[in-house]
Amino acid sequence: MIENLRYAAASGLVQRAGHSELGLATNTLRGNVYFSGLLRQPLPLREALGALRGVVVSDLKFRPKDRPKFQAWLEEEDRRFLATLGIKSEHARQELERLNVSLDALNRIREKRREAFHAARLAYFRFVLENEYEKFYILDPVITVHPDEVFFEAFSRDESSYARLGVSQDLFDDVGPFACGTTNIDFSASLAEGFDRLRAYRDTRFAIGPSGFAVATNTTTATNEDSEVHHEKKVDLPESWVRGFLQVQSAMSLSMPRFSLAPVDLYNICRFLKSHRTRKSPRALRWELEPGKRVRAVLEPWGHVIELSTIYDGTKAQSIRTWGRDRLKVLARLLPVAQRIDVHLAGTGLPSFYVLDLGGISFTLALSGWTDNDWTGGAKFDLLTRRLTGTAAEVLTVYEALRLRRFATDAELAEVTGFGIEKCRTTLSYLCQAGRAIYDLGKRVYRHRDLFFDPFTLQDAAAAVKPALEEKAPEAKAAKHIHEAEDVRVIARRPVTTGYKLSGSARGASGPRVRPLLHVDYEGQIIEASCTCAHFRSHGLTQGPCEHVLALRLAHMERLAKEDSKGGLAPA
């Protein structure tokens, strides 16, 4: 999919008499989205925008070094060695050496003549890095204006980290007229340099609009969308990037253990990681959670224990390992302005989420299970969420209700649309899949966000509910076959304080009957699961649930749907 980006000017920071203006240029090919306000506290926003760019440009996947010059030299030495093996005459050997010296001299002359070309190519690469780096990083960050906040979203270059920066409108004075919507912003390296020039002693006006700031001068700005176009780009937006948004939203909506950190706790973790390196395994960050006791962070393989200042108020003792801990270093510059950090852990080897409260500004960092297991690759966390069957008309109805309200809980949307709460949760998951909604983990609400410019039609809603996703997920397709063939049975269904615990038996297309166990919350999302099949013994939940667990949940969902249709809503 090709995404067109057109900017009337470049984003940047302009210093005027006694105040600064931070202008973010929006994509003029999308809807008219704009916002303007006088920022009360520029320093937290400066650090948050810097951390957002740190996520965008980060790439921690291992890639072997490419050494073409060394390989070329090695091949040339091998050629010369083989050429001399058959030469017995001393005169011929001397002649060959003379020719090699002449060839080396000619090569040096050729490289001298190509210096201008190499310099021009290097200058081009530097320009691209500073002004149009999105050619390499897929897409400019997405920005959305809502009645209560303005928020940014972006993936890292290796697609293993997702960042969401939300700025409350309460942080602004003299807020002018604004238009809600979603667009892309010009987010170049020169803009990042402008962030660092924000100061607390200067008033800063934060502006989002098509005009941005003109490149030729700091005193002139474009005044309307018909101004001369600064630059235009066509960016290839692959399906994997859209699937990454789906996986993030699916994982965020799971029921996860949660605890809080003081900024100094995360600082101690980052400081230890910065001063210690290892090549041994396991290189994990282990969280020890015991009810009524302080949370302990254990850095492996050293076994270094950092006892945190917070008490875990959960009901169950857990030990959860997370990998890819170096990705936490991007949060280091936020710690001096952070007031509180909430940590959500999906489980060992599963995603983790860090929500930082900067005082009216929230920064959410979502990390996949480990760096190589990125959000857009083999992640199947959408299978952990619950889905009933839904029609295109129902999805479109919920979409319109969310678009008008901009943000709402699933219970509020159920009341507005008249659907059952389970039906609303299902349609919201389809909207997240289609790139039309997101889940705000900090405020626990769903928000309207159109990733694409084209309007959401009934045909798009029909495409969202098609079984195409199941065809790409063999486990979901196999679970559906098991359920339709009535090869799954619910042996026990016990209500607990967090939801339901289920035990059952299931048999796939081949193999013996197995015993899946399932713990789901009131929303039908998987909290814990186990199975006696070979797939679960090998991978657990790191690659998503097996078809037997999914089939048992389908049987449970069918019972929930019957209860929902009779007016008995599941507790929220």
Protein backbone atom coordinates (compact mmCIF):
# COMPACT_ATOMS: atom_id res chain seq x y z
CA MET A 1 0.00 0.00 0.00
CA ILE A 2 1.37 3.41 -1.02
CA GLU A 3 0.79 6.29 1.40
CA ASN A 4 1.10 9.78 -0.11
CA LEU A 5 2.59 12.52 2.08
CA ARG A 6 2.63 16.18 1.07
CA TYR A 7 3.86 18.99 3.31
CA ALA A 8 3.42 22.67 2.54
CA ALA A 9 6.43 23.46 4.72
CA ALA A 10 8.81 21.86 7.17
CA SER A 11 8.24 21.42 10.88
CA GLY A 12 10.53 23.43 13.11
CA LEU A 13 11.12 25.79 16.02
CA VAL A 14 11.21 29.55 15.42
CA GLN A 15 12.63 31.94 18.03
CA ARG A 16 10.78 35.23 18.14
CA ALA A 17 11.01 38.23 20.48
CA GLY A 18 10.39 36.82 23.95
CA HIS A 19 8.77 33.56 22.86
CA SER A 20 9.16 30.44 20.72
CA GLU A 21 6.83 28.85 18.19
CA LEU A 22 6.95 25.09 17.66
CA GLY A 23 5.11 24.33 14.43
CA LEU A 24 4.35 20.79 13.27
CA ALA A 25 3.53 20.59 9.56
CA THR A 26 0.71 18.17 8.75
CA ASN A 27 0.04 16.11 5.64
CA THR A 28 -2.09 18.36 3.40
CA LEU A 29 -3.51 15.36 1.53
CA ARG A 30 -5.41 14.32 4.65
CA GLY A 31 -8.24 16.04 6.50
CA ASN A 32 -7.88 19.57 7.85
CA VAL A 33 -6.47 18.90 11.33
CA TYR A 34 -5.11 21.81 13.34
CA PHE A 35 -4.47 22.92 16.91
CA SER A 36 -2.77 25.86 18.61
CA GLY A 37 -2.09 26.70 22.24
CA LEU A 38 0.39 28.34 24.58
CA LEU A 39 2.36 25.64 26.37
CA ARG A 40 2.65 26.06 30.14
CA GLN A 41 5.48 23.58 30.74
CA PRO A 42 7.68 23.14 27.65
CA LEU A 43 10.40 21.06 29.32
CA PRO A 44 8.38 17.82 29.84
CA LEU A 45 7.14 18.05 26.23
CA ARG A 46 10.70 18.63 25.03
CA GLU A 47 11.92 15.47 26.73
CA ALA A 48 8.89 13.46 25.63
CA LEU A 49 9.27 14.45 21.96
CA GLY A 50 12.97 13.64 22.18
CA ALA A 51 12.18 10.20 23.61
CA LEU A 52 9.59 9.66 20.85
CA ARG A 53 12.20 10.31 18.20
CA GLY A 54 14.58 8.03 20.09
CA VAL A 55 12.04 5.23 19.66
CA VAL A 56 11.49 6.03 15.96
CA VAL A 57 15.18 5.78 15.03
CA SER A 58 16.07 2.85 17.32
CA ASP A 59 17.12 -0.44 15.76
CA LEU A 60 18.48 -3.06 18.16
CA LYS A 61 18.13 -6.16 16.01
CA PHE A 62 21.36 -8.04 15.43
CA ARG A 63 22.69 -7.63 11.90
CA PRO A 64 26.06 -9.09 10.89
CA LYS A 65 28.63 -6.56 9.72
CA ASP A 66 28.89 -6.06 5.99
CA ARG A 67 32.57 -5.82 4.99
CA PRO A 68 32.59 -5.55 1.18
CA LYS A 69 35.97 -3.84 0.93
CA PHE A 70 37.67 -6.53 3.00
CA GLN A 71 36.03 -9.28 0.97
CA ALA A 72 37.07 -7.62 -2.29
CA TRP A 73 40.67 -7.31 -1.05
CA LEU A 74 40.66 -10.94 0.07
CA GLU A 75 39.39 -12.13 -3.31
CA GLU A 76 42.03 -10.06 -5.11
CA GLU A 77 44.80 -11.55 -2.96
CA ASP A 78 43.50 -15.06 -3.67
CA ARG A 79 43.50 -14.30 -7.42
CA ARG A 80 47.07 -13.08 -7.30
CA PHE A 81 48.19 -16.08 -5.27
CA LEU A 82 46.59 -18.55 -7.67
CA ALA A 83 48.05 -16.69 -10.66
CA THR A 84 51.59 -17.09 -9.29
CA LEU A 85 51.27 -20.83 -8.58
CA GLY A 86 51.74 -21.79 -12.23
CA ILE A 87 54.57 -19.36 -12.98
CA LYS A 88 58.01 -20.99 -12.85
CA SER A 89 60.02 -18.43 -14.70
CA GLU A 90 61.58 -15.74 -12.52
CA HIS A 91 61.33 -13.29 -15.43
CA ALA A 92 57.60 -13.92 -15.76
CA ARG A 93 57.15 -13.53 -12.02
CA GLN A 94 58.90 -10.14 -12.07
CA GLU A 95 56.81 -9.03 -15.04
CA LEU A 96 53.62 -10.01 -13.22
CA GLU A 97 54.69 -8.01 -10.16
CA ARG A 98 55.41 -4.98 -12.37
CA LEU A 99 51.96 -5.23 -13.94
CA ASN A 100 50.35 -5.49 -10.51
CA VAL A 101 52.14 -2.30 -9.41
CA SER A 102 50.89 -0.53 -12.55
CA LEU A 103 47.35 -1.83 -11.91
CA ASP A 104 47.44 -0.51 -8.35
CA ALA A 105 48.56 2.92 -9.63
CA LEU A 106 45.68 2.97 -12.13
CA ASN A 107 43.23 2.02 -9.38
CA ARG A 108 44.45 4.92 -7.25
CA ILE A 109 43.98 7.32 -10.18
CA ARG A 110 40.46 5.98 -10.72
CA GLU A 111 39.56 6.47 -7.06
CA LYS A 112 40.97 10.01 -7.21
CA ARG A 113 38.72 10.83 -10.15
CA ARG A 114 35.69 9.39 -8.32
CA GLU A 115 36.20 11.47 -5.16
CA ALA A 116 33.69 14.10 -6.34
CA PHE A 117 31.10 11.40 -6.93
CA HIS A 118 31.66 9.87 -3.48
CA ALA A 119 31.40 13.29 -1.83
CA ALA A 120 28.13 14.07 -3.63
CA ARG A 121 26.69 10.71 -2.67
CA LEU A 122 27.68 11.21 0.98
CA ALA A 123 26.09 14.67 0.96
CA TYR A 124 22.87 13.17 -0.41
CA PHE A 125 22.77 10.50 2.29
CA ARG A 126 23.30 13.13 4.97
CA PHE A 127 20.45 15.22 3.57
CA VAL A 128 18.15 12.20 3.54
CA LEU A 129 19.10 11.32 7.11
CA GLU A 130 18.40 14.84 8.37
CA ASN A 131 15.33 15.73 6.29
CA GLU A 132 13.71 12.66 4.74
CA TYR A 133 14.69 9.76 6.95
CA GLU A 134 11.15 8.35 6.72
CA LYS A 135 12.23 6.82 3.37
CA PHE A 136 14.02 4.31 5.56
CA TYR A 137 11.68 4.33 8.57
CA ILE A 138 8.47 3.54 6.64
CA LEU A 139 6.17 6.38 7.76
CA ASP A 140 6.12 9.70 9.56
CA PRO A 141 4.61 9.55 13.07
CA VAL A 142 0.83 9.70 13.30
CA ILE A 143 -0.69 12.59 15.26
CA THR A 144 -4.30 12.81 16.43
CA VAL A 145 -6.17 15.79 17.88
CA HIS A 146 -8.95 14.94 20.37
CA PRO A 147 -11.06 17.21 22.57
CA ASP A 148 -9.08 16.21 25.67
CA GLU A 149 -5.57 15.64 24.30
CA VAL A 150 -3.20 15.55 21.35
CA PHE A 151 -1.30 12.30 20.90
CA PHE A 152 1.47 10.91 18.71
CA GLU A 153 2.12 7.29 17.69
CA ALA A 154 5.17 5.67 16.12
CA PHE A 155 7.01 2.37 15.74
CA SER A 156 10.75 1.87 16.05
CA ARG A 157 12.78 1.04 12.97
CA ASP A 158 13.09 -2.60 14.05
CA GLU A 159 9.33 -2.62 14.81
CA SER A 160 9.83 -4.15 18.25
CA SER A 161 8.91 -0.95 20.15
CA TYR A 162 5.78 1.17 19.94
CA ALA A 163 5.47 4.61 21.52
CA ARG A 164 2.43 6.74 22.22
CA LEU A 165 2.80 10.30 23.51
CA GLY A 166 -0.35 11.99 24.81
CA VAL A 167 -0.42 15.69 25.69
CA SER A 168 -3.44 16.86 27.69
CA GLN A 169 -5.11 20.08 26.55
CA ASP A 170 -5.05 21.17 30.21
CA LEU A 171 -1.35 21.96 29.66
CA PHE A 172 -2.22 24.76 27.23
CA ASP A 173 -3.41 28.33 27.72
CA ASP A 174 -5.03 30.46 25.06
CA VAL A 175 -6.19 27.43 23.09
CA GLY A 176 -7.59 28.56 19.75
CA PRO A 177 -10.12 26.79 17.53
CA PHE A 178 -9.07 23.25 16.72
CA ALA A 179 -10.22 20.49 14.37
CA CYS A 180 -10.17 16.88 15.57
CA GLY A 181 -8.75 14.20 13.34
CA THR A 182 -5.65 12.21 12.45
CA THR A 183 -2.79 13.05 10.11
CA ASN A 184 0.96 12.61 9.66
CA ILE A 185 3.54 15.20 10.63
CA ASP A 186 6.90 16.10 9.12
CA PHE A 187 9.25 14.66 11.77
CA SER A 188 12.77 15.18 10.48
CA ALA A 189 16.08 15.33 12.33
CA SER A 190 16.10 19.13 12.07
CA LEU A 191 12.84 19.20 14.05
CA ALA A 192 14.45 17.05 16.73
CA GLU A 193 17.21 19.63 17.04
CA GLY A 194 14.52 22.26 17.53
CA PHE A 195 13.09 20.31 20.49
CA ASP A 196 16.34 20.73 22.38
CA ARG A 197 16.11 24.52 22.09
CA LEU A 198 12.87 24.72 24.08
CA ARG A 199 13.38 26.58 27.37
CA ALA A 200 11.20 27.13 30.44
CA TYR A 201 11.92 30.87 30.61
CA ARG A 202 10.47 31.47 27.11
CA ASP A 203 6.78 31.21 26.28
CA THR A 204 6.23 28.49 23.70
CA ARG A 205 3.28 28.32 21.31
CA PHE A 206 2.56 24.79 20.12
CA ALA A 207 0.92 24.73 16.67
CA ILE A 208 -0.26 21.87 14.46
CA GLY A 209 -1.35 22.74 10.95
CA PRO A 210 -0.60 22.48 7.24
CA SER A 211 1.59 25.58 7.11
CA GLY A 212 4.31 24.51 9.55
CA PHE A 213 7.28 26.83 8.98
CA ALA A 214 8.80 27.86 5.69
CA VAL A 215 12.33 26.65 5.02
CA ALA A 216 13.68 29.81 3.38
CA THR A 217 13.29 32.14 6.38
CA ASN A 218 12.40 32.03 10.06
CA THR A 219 10.14 35.06 9.87
CA THR A 220 7.74 33.92 7.18
CA THR A 221 5.15 31.19 7.43
CA ALA A 222 2.78 29.79 4.91
CA THR A 223 -0.73 31.09 5.46
CA ASN A 224 -2.97 28.52 3.80
CA GLU A 225 -3.08 25.06 2.30
CA ASP A 226 -2.72 26.47 -1.23
CA SER A 227 0.83 27.63 -0.54
CA GLU A 228 3.72 26.18 -2.49
CA VAL A 229 4.47 22.58 -1.60
CA HIS A 230 7.77 22.12 0.24
CA HIS A 231 8.22 18.42 -0.44
CA GLU A 232 6.14 15.43 -1.41
CA LYS A 233 6.79 11.78 -0.65
CA LYS A 234 5.28 8.42 -1.43
CA VAL A 235 5.91 5.90 1.32
CA ASP A 236 5.26 2.19 1.02
CA LEU A 237 3.05 1.19 3.96
CA PRO A 238 3.17 -2.62 4.15
CA GLU A 239 0.44 -4.74 5.66
CA SER A 240 2.86 -5.79 8.39
CA TRP A 241 2.86 -2.23 9.78
CA VAL A 242 -0.93 -2.26 10.06
CA ARG A 243 -0.78 -5.69 11.71
CA GLY A 244 1.68 -4.20 14.18
CA PHE A 245 -0.96 -1.71 15.34
CA LEU A 246 -3.43 -4.59 15.71
CA GLN A 247 -1.01 -6.63 17.82
CA VAL A 248 -0.21 -3.66 20.07
CA GLN A 249 -3.86 -2.83 20.68
CA SER A 250 -4.71 -6.49 21.26
CA ALA A 251 -1.94 -6.90 23.82
CA MET A 252 -2.85 -3.63 25.56
CA SER A 253 -6.42 -4.75 26.13
CA LEU A 254 -5.33 -7.93 27.95
CA SER A 255 -5.72 -8.33 31.68
CA MET A 256 -2.17 -8.02 33.02
CA PRO A 257 -0.41 -7.76 36.39
CA ARG A 258 0.26 -4.12 37.12
CA PHE A 259 2.47 -2.23 39.55
CA SER A 260 4.03 1.21 39.87
CA LEU A 261 7.64 2.35 39.88
CA ALA A 262 9.27 5.49 41.19
CA PRO A 263 11.44 7.19 38.54
CA VAL A 264 14.54 6.46 40.65
CA ASP A 265 13.77 2.73 40.44
CA LEU A 266 13.89 2.72 36.64
CA TYR A 267 16.96 4.95 36.79
CA ASN A 268 18.79 2.36 38.90
CA ILE A 269 17.90 -0.35 36.38
CA CYS A 270 19.10 1.70 33.41
CA ARG A 271 22.29 2.75 35.24
CA PHE A 272 23.21 -0.86 35.99
CA LEU A 273 22.57 -1.94 32.39
CA LYS A 274 24.70 0.92 31.10
CA SER A 275 27.68 -0.01 33.28
CA HIS A 276 27.48 -3.81 32.84
CA ARG A 277 27.71 -5.84 29.65
CA THR A 278 27.57 -9.59 29.22
CA ARG A 279 27.56 -12.23 26.52
CA LYS A 280 26.18 -14.92 28.78
CA SER A 281 22.60 -16.08 29.00
CA PRO A 282 20.02 -15.51 30.28
CA ARG A 283 20.06 -11.76 29.58
CA ALA A 284 16.68 -11.11 31.12
CA LEU A 285 15.01 -8.66 33.46
CA ARG A 286 13.06 -10.74 35.99
CA TRP A 287 10.25 -9.20 38.02
CA GLU A 288 9.49 -10.87 41.36
CA LEU A 289 5.95 -10.05 42.47
CA GLU A 290 4.70 -11.11 45.91
CA PRO A 291 1.48 -9.72 47.38
CA GLY A 292 2.11 -7.26 50.20
CA LYS A 293 5.88 -7.09 49.55
CA ARG A 294 8.15 -4.78 47.64
CA VAL A 295 8.59 -5.53 43.95
CA ARG A 296 12.04 -6.89 43.14
CA ALA A 297 13.82 -6.49 39.80
CA VAL A 298 16.49 -9.13 39.16
CA LEU A 299 19.04 -8.48 36.41
CA GLU A 300 20.34 -11.71 34.93
CA PRO A 301 22.83 -13.34 34.55
CA TRP A 302 24.46 -11.39 37.40
CA GLY A 303 21.58 -12.05 39.78
CA HIS A 304 21.72 -8.37 40.80
CA VAL A 305 18.60 -7.53 42.82
CA ILE A 306 17.07 -4.05 42.92
CA GLU A 307 14.33 -3.75 45.53
CA LEU A 308 11.84 -1.16 44.40
CA SER A 309 10.02 1.37 46.51
CA THR A 310 6.54 0.14 45.63
CA ILE A 311 4.41 -2.59 47.22
CA TYR A 312 2.77 -5.12 44.95
CA ASP A 313 -0.97 -5.17 45.63
CA GLY A 314 -1.85 -8.15 43.44
CA THR A 315 -3.40 -11.36 44.72
CA LYS A 316 -0.99 -13.90 43.25
CA ALA A 317 2.79 -14.32 43.54
CA GLN A 318 4.48 -14.34 40.13
CA SER A 319 7.93 -14.36 38.60
CA ILE A 320 7.92 -12.84 35.11
CA ARG A 321 10.93 -12.68 32.80
CA THR A 322 11.18 -10.04 30.08
CA TRP A 323 13.82 -9.80 27.36
CA GLY A 324 15.12 -6.96 25.21
CA ARG A 325 15.79 -4.85 28.30
CA ASP A 326 18.17 -2.46 26.48
CA ARG A 327 15.12 -0.90 24.85
CA LEU A 328 14.30 0.67 28.23
CA LYS A 329 17.24 3.05 27.87
CA VAL A 330 15.15 5.26 25.57
CA LEU A 331 13.17 6.27 28.68
CA ALA A 332 16.25 7.60 30.48
CA ARG A 333 15.75 11.22 29.42
CA LEU A 334 12.17 11.16 30.73
CA LEU A 335 13.06 10.15 34.29
CA PRO A 336 13.95 13.66 35.58
CA VAL A 337 10.47 14.93 34.65
CA ALA A 338 8.48 11.74 35.35
CA GLN A 339 6.16 11.60 38.35
CA ARG A 340 4.99 8.00 38.16
CA ILE A 341 5.61 4.88 36.07
CA ASP A 342 3.02 2.12 35.68
CA VAL A 343 4.29 -1.24 34.46
CA HIS A 344 2.01 -3.83 32.82
CA LEU A 345 3.42 -7.33 32.19
CA ALA A 346 1.60 -9.82 29.96
CA GLY A 347 3.78 -12.73 31.12
CA THR A 348 7.15 -14.41 30.64
CA GLY A 349 8.37 -13.81 27.09
CA LEU A 350 5.25 -11.75 26.35
CA PRO A 351 4.90 -7.98 25.80
CA SER A 352 5.48 -5.39 28.52
CA PHE A 353 4.16 -1.84 28.76
CA TYR A 354 5.57 1.20 30.56
CA VAL A 355 3.25 4.18 31.06
CA LEU A 356 5.02 7.31 32.34
CA ASP A 357 3.08 10.18 33.88
CA LEU A 358 4.89 13.46 33.21
CA GLY A 359 2.23 15.69 34.72
CA GLY A 360 -0.39 16.17 32.03
CA ILE A 361 1.76 14.28 29.52
CA SER A 362 1.69 10.50 29.27
CA PHE A 363 4.29 8.43 27.44
CA THR A 364 3.52 4.77 26.72
CA LEU A 365 6.30 2.42 25.60
CA ALA A 366 5.13 -1.00 24.40
CA LEU A 367 7.85 -3.64 24.03
CA SER A 368 7.39 -6.95 22.25
CA GLY A 369 8.45 -10.16 24.00
CA TRP A 370 12.02 -9.76 22.74
CA THR A 371 13.69 -7.65 20.07
CA ASP A 372 13.68 -10.19 17.24
CA ASN A 373 10.06 -11.14 17.95
CA ASP A 374 8.71 -7.79 16.72
CA TRP A 375 5.13 -6.56 16.65
CA THR A 376 4.77 -7.03 12.89
CA GLY A 377 6.35 -10.48 12.58
CA GLY A 378 5.15 -13.64 14.25
CA ALA A 379 3.16 -12.03 17.07
CA LYS A 380 -0.40 -13.36 17.40
CA PHE A 381 -1.64 -11.55 20.48
CA ASP A 382 -4.92 -10.79 18.74
CA LEU A 383 -5.76 -14.47 19.24
CA LEU A 384 -5.66 -13.88 23.00
CA THR A 385 -8.52 -11.40 22.74
CA ARG A 386 -12.12 -12.47 22.53
CA ARG A 387 -14.22 -12.15 19.39
CA LEU A 388 -17.84 -12.98 18.78
CA THR A 389 -19.29 -12.98 15.30
CA GLY A 390 -20.17 -9.50 14.06
CA THR A 391 -21.69 -7.98 10.93
CA ALA A 392 -20.40 -5.10 8.84
CA ALA A 393 -23.39 -2.97 9.84
CA GLU A 394 -22.63 -3.47 13.54
CA VAL A 395 -18.97 -2.54 13.05
CA LEU A 396 -19.94 0.60 11.13
CA THR A 397 -22.48 1.57 13.83
CA VAL A 398 -19.89 1.33 16.61
CA TYR A 399 -17.37 3.20 14.45
CA GLU A 400 -19.74 6.12 13.93
CA ALA A 401 -20.57 6.22 17.65
CA LEU A 402 -16.87 6.29 18.54
CA ARG A 403 -16.09 8.89 15.86
CA LEU A 404 -18.70 11.26 17.25
CA ARG A 405 -17.56 10.82 20.86
CA ARG A 406 -13.83 10.58 19.95
CA PHE A 407 -13.13 8.42 23.03
CA ALA A 408 -15.30 6.16 25.18
CA THR A 409 -15.29 2.94 27.17
CA ASP A 410 -16.83 -0.23 25.79
CA ALA A 411 -19.68 0.07 28.32
CA GLU A 412 -20.46 3.62 27.15
CA LEU A 413 -20.55 2.52 23.53
CA ALA A 414 -22.78 -0.41 24.42
CA GLU A 415 -25.23 2.01 26.01
CA VAL A 416 -25.16 4.37 23.02
CA THR A 417 -25.52 1.71 20.31
CA GLY A 418 -27.89 -0.59 22.17
CA PHE A 419 -25.63 -3.59 21.53
CA GLY A 420 -24.55 -5.98 24.25
CA ILE A 421 -21.21 -5.20 25.81
CA GLU A 422 -19.68 -8.37 24.37
CA LYS A 423 -20.81 -7.35 20.89
CA CYS A 424 -19.25 -3.90 21.37
CA ARG A 425 -15.95 -5.39 22.48
CA THR A 426 -15.94 -7.58 19.39
CA THR A 427 -16.61 -4.72 16.97
CA LEU A 428 -13.97 -2.57 18.67
CA SER A 429 -11.38 -5.28 18.11
CA TYR A 430 -12.31 -5.26 14.40
CA LEU A 431 -11.90 -1.48 14.31
CA CYS A 432 -8.43 -1.78 15.87
CA GLN A 433 -7.60 -4.38 13.22
CA ALA A 434 -8.74 -2.01 10.45
CA GLY A 435 -6.65 0.89 11.83
CA ARG A 436 -9.71 2.93 12.85
CA ALA A 437 -9.39 2.83 16.65
CA ILE A 438 -6.80 2.41 19.39
CA TYR A 439 -6.86 1.44 23.04
CA ASP A 440 -5.55 4.03 25.51
CA LEU A 441 -3.85 1.95 28.20
CA GLY A 442 -3.33 4.90 30.56
CA LYS A 443 -6.97 6.03 30.65
CA ARG A 444 -8.46 2.65 29.69
CA VAL A 445 -10.67 3.99 26.92
CA TYR A 446 -10.98 3.36 23.21
CA ARG A 447 -10.13 6.28 20.95
CA HIS A 448 -11.09 7.05 17.38
CA ARG A 449 -8.03 7.14 15.12
CA ASP A 450 -8.18 6.76 11.33
CA LEU A 451 -4.82 5.45 10.20
CA PHE A 452 -5.89 5.96 6.59
CA PHE A 453 -7.34 8.99 4.85
CA ASP A 454 -10.10 7.16 2.98
CA PRO A 455 -13.47 7.21 4.79
CA PHE A 456 -14.58 4.04 6.54
CA THR A 457 -17.44 2.58 4.51
CA LEU A 458 -19.70 -0.44 4.78
CA GLN A 459 -17.43 -2.25 2.32
CA ASP A 460 -14.42 -1.58 4.56
CA ALA A 461 -16.37 -2.86 7.56
CA ALA A 462 -17.25 -6.01 5.62
CA ALA A 463 -13.58 -6.51 4.77
CA ALA A 464 -12.69 -6.16 8.45
CA VAL A 465 -14.99 -8.99 9.53
CA LYS A 466 -14.00 -11.33 6.71
CA PRO A 467 -12.28 -14.54 7.83
CA ALA A 468 -9.05 -13.48 6.13
CA LEU A 469 -7.34 -13.09 9.48
CA GLU A 470 -8.17 -16.64 10.42
CA GLU A 471 -6.67 -17.90 7.14
CA LYS A 472 -3.39 -16.24 8.15
CA ALA A 473 -3.63 -17.70 11.67
CA PRO A 474 -3.85 -21.51 11.35
CA GLU A 475 -4.53 -21.89 15.07
CA ALA A 476 -7.71 -19.80 14.85
CA LYS A 477 -8.88 -21.63 11.73
CA ALA A 478 -8.27 -25.03 13.35
CA ALA A 479 -10.08 -23.89 16.51
CA LYS A 480 -13.11 -22.91 14.45
CA HIS A 481 -13.16 -26.34 12.80
CA ILE A 482 -12.93 -28.03 16.19
CA HIS A 483 -15.80 -25.95 17.51
CA GLU A 484 -18.00 -26.46 14.46
CA ALA A 485 -17.35 -30.20 14.56
CA GLU A 486 -18.33 -30.20 18.25
CA ASP A 487 -15.01 -31.77 19.18
CA VAL A 488 -14.61 -29.50 22.21
CA ARG A 489 -16.40 -29.84 25.53
CA VAL A 490 -16.53 -27.58 28.56
CA ILE A 491 -16.07 -29.90 31.52
CA ALA A 492 -16.12 -27.22 34.23
CA ARG A 493 -16.83 -23.48 34.24
CA ARG A 494 -16.15 -21.81 37.57
CA PRO A 495 -16.67 -18.07 38.24
CA VAL A 496 -13.80 -16.39 40.11
CA THR A 497 -13.17 -12.81 41.18
CA THR A 498 -11.23 -12.05 37.99
CA GLY A 499 -13.52 -13.84 35.53
CA TYR A 500 -13.92 -17.54 34.74
CA LYS A 501 -11.74 -20.62 35.01
CA LEU A 502 -12.51 -23.30 32.45
CA SER A 503 -11.40 -26.86 31.97
CA GLY A 504 -12.31 -28.95 28.97
CA SER A 505 -11.25 -31.47 26.41
CA ALA A 506 -10.67 -31.03 22.68
CA ARG A 507 -9.44 -33.02 19.71
CA GLY A 508 -7.99 -31.58 16.53
CA ALA A 509 -8.03 -32.93 13.00
CA SER A 510 -5.27 -35.35 13.96
CA GLY A 511 -3.85 -36.49 17.23
CA PRO A 512 -5.32 -37.58 20.54
CA ARG A 513 -7.78 -35.71 22.70
CA VAL A 514 -6.06 -33.17 24.94
CA ARG A 515 -7.00 -31.27 28.09
CA PRO A 516 -6.91 -27.45 27.77
CA LEU A 517 -7.24 -25.24 30.86
CA LEU A 518 -8.23 -21.61 30.51
CA HIS A 519 -8.55 -18.55 32.75
CA VAL A 520 -10.38 -15.64 31.10
CA ASP A 521 -11.49 -12.30 32.51
CA TYR A 522 -15.00 -10.89 32.25
CA GLU A 523 -14.13 -9.49 28.84
CA GLY A 524 -13.30 -12.95 27.53
CA GLN A 525 -9.58 -12.25 27.26
CA ILE A 526 -7.05 -14.90 28.17
CA ILE A 527 -5.25 -14.38 31.48
CA GLU A 528 -3.69 -17.83 31.79
CA ALA A 529 -3.85 -20.95 29.67
CA SER A 530 -2.27 -24.37 29.46
CA CYS A 531 -2.73 -27.48 27.37
CA THR A 532 -1.34 -30.99 27.20
CA CYS A 533 -0.62 -30.71 23.43
CA ALA A 534 2.89 -30.66 21.94
CA HIS A 535 2.59 -27.05 20.68
CA PHE A 536 1.99 -25.65 24.15
CA ARG A 537 4.74 -27.75 25.69
CA SER A 538 7.22 -26.26 23.18
CA HIS A 539 6.14 -22.61 23.00
CA GLY A 540 3.68 -21.82 25.78
CA LEU A 541 1.93 -18.56 24.89
CA THR A 542 4.91 -16.77 23.34
CA GLN A 543 3.60 -17.57 19.84
CA GLY A 544 -0.05 -17.31 20.73
CA PRO A 545 -2.44 -19.93 22.12
CA CYS A 546 -2.90 -23.35 20.54
CA GLU A 547 -6.07 -24.33 18.69
CA HIS A 548 -7.36 -26.39 21.64
CA VAL A 549 -7.28 -23.41 24.01
CA LEU A 550 -8.96 -21.25 21.36
CA ALA A 551 -11.64 -23.88 20.76
CA LEU A 552 -12.41 -24.03 24.49
CA ARG A 553 -12.75 -20.25 24.54
CA LEU A 554 -15.11 -20.38 21.54
CA ALA A 555 -17.38 -22.70 23.50
CA HIS A 556 -17.25 -20.29 26.44
CA MET A 557 -17.92 -17.31 24.16
CA GLU A 558 -20.94 -19.05 22.69
CA ARG A 559 -22.37 -19.39 26.18
CA LEU A 560 -21.57 -15.73 26.92
CA ALA A 561 -23.38 -14.68 23.75
CA LYS A 562 -26.50 -16.60 24.79
CA GLU A 563 -26.41 -14.98 28.23
CA ASP A 564 -25.83 -11.57 26.63
CA SER A 565 -28.83 -11.98 24.30
CA LYS A 566 -31.04 -12.66 27.31
CA GLY A 567 -30.06 -9.33 28.85
CA GLY A 568 -27.50 -10.60 31.34
CA LEU A 569 -24.45 -8.45 30.56
CA ALA A 570 -21.10 -9.75 31.68
CA PRO A 571 -19.59 -7.65 34.43
CA ALA A 572 -17.22 -4.97 33.16
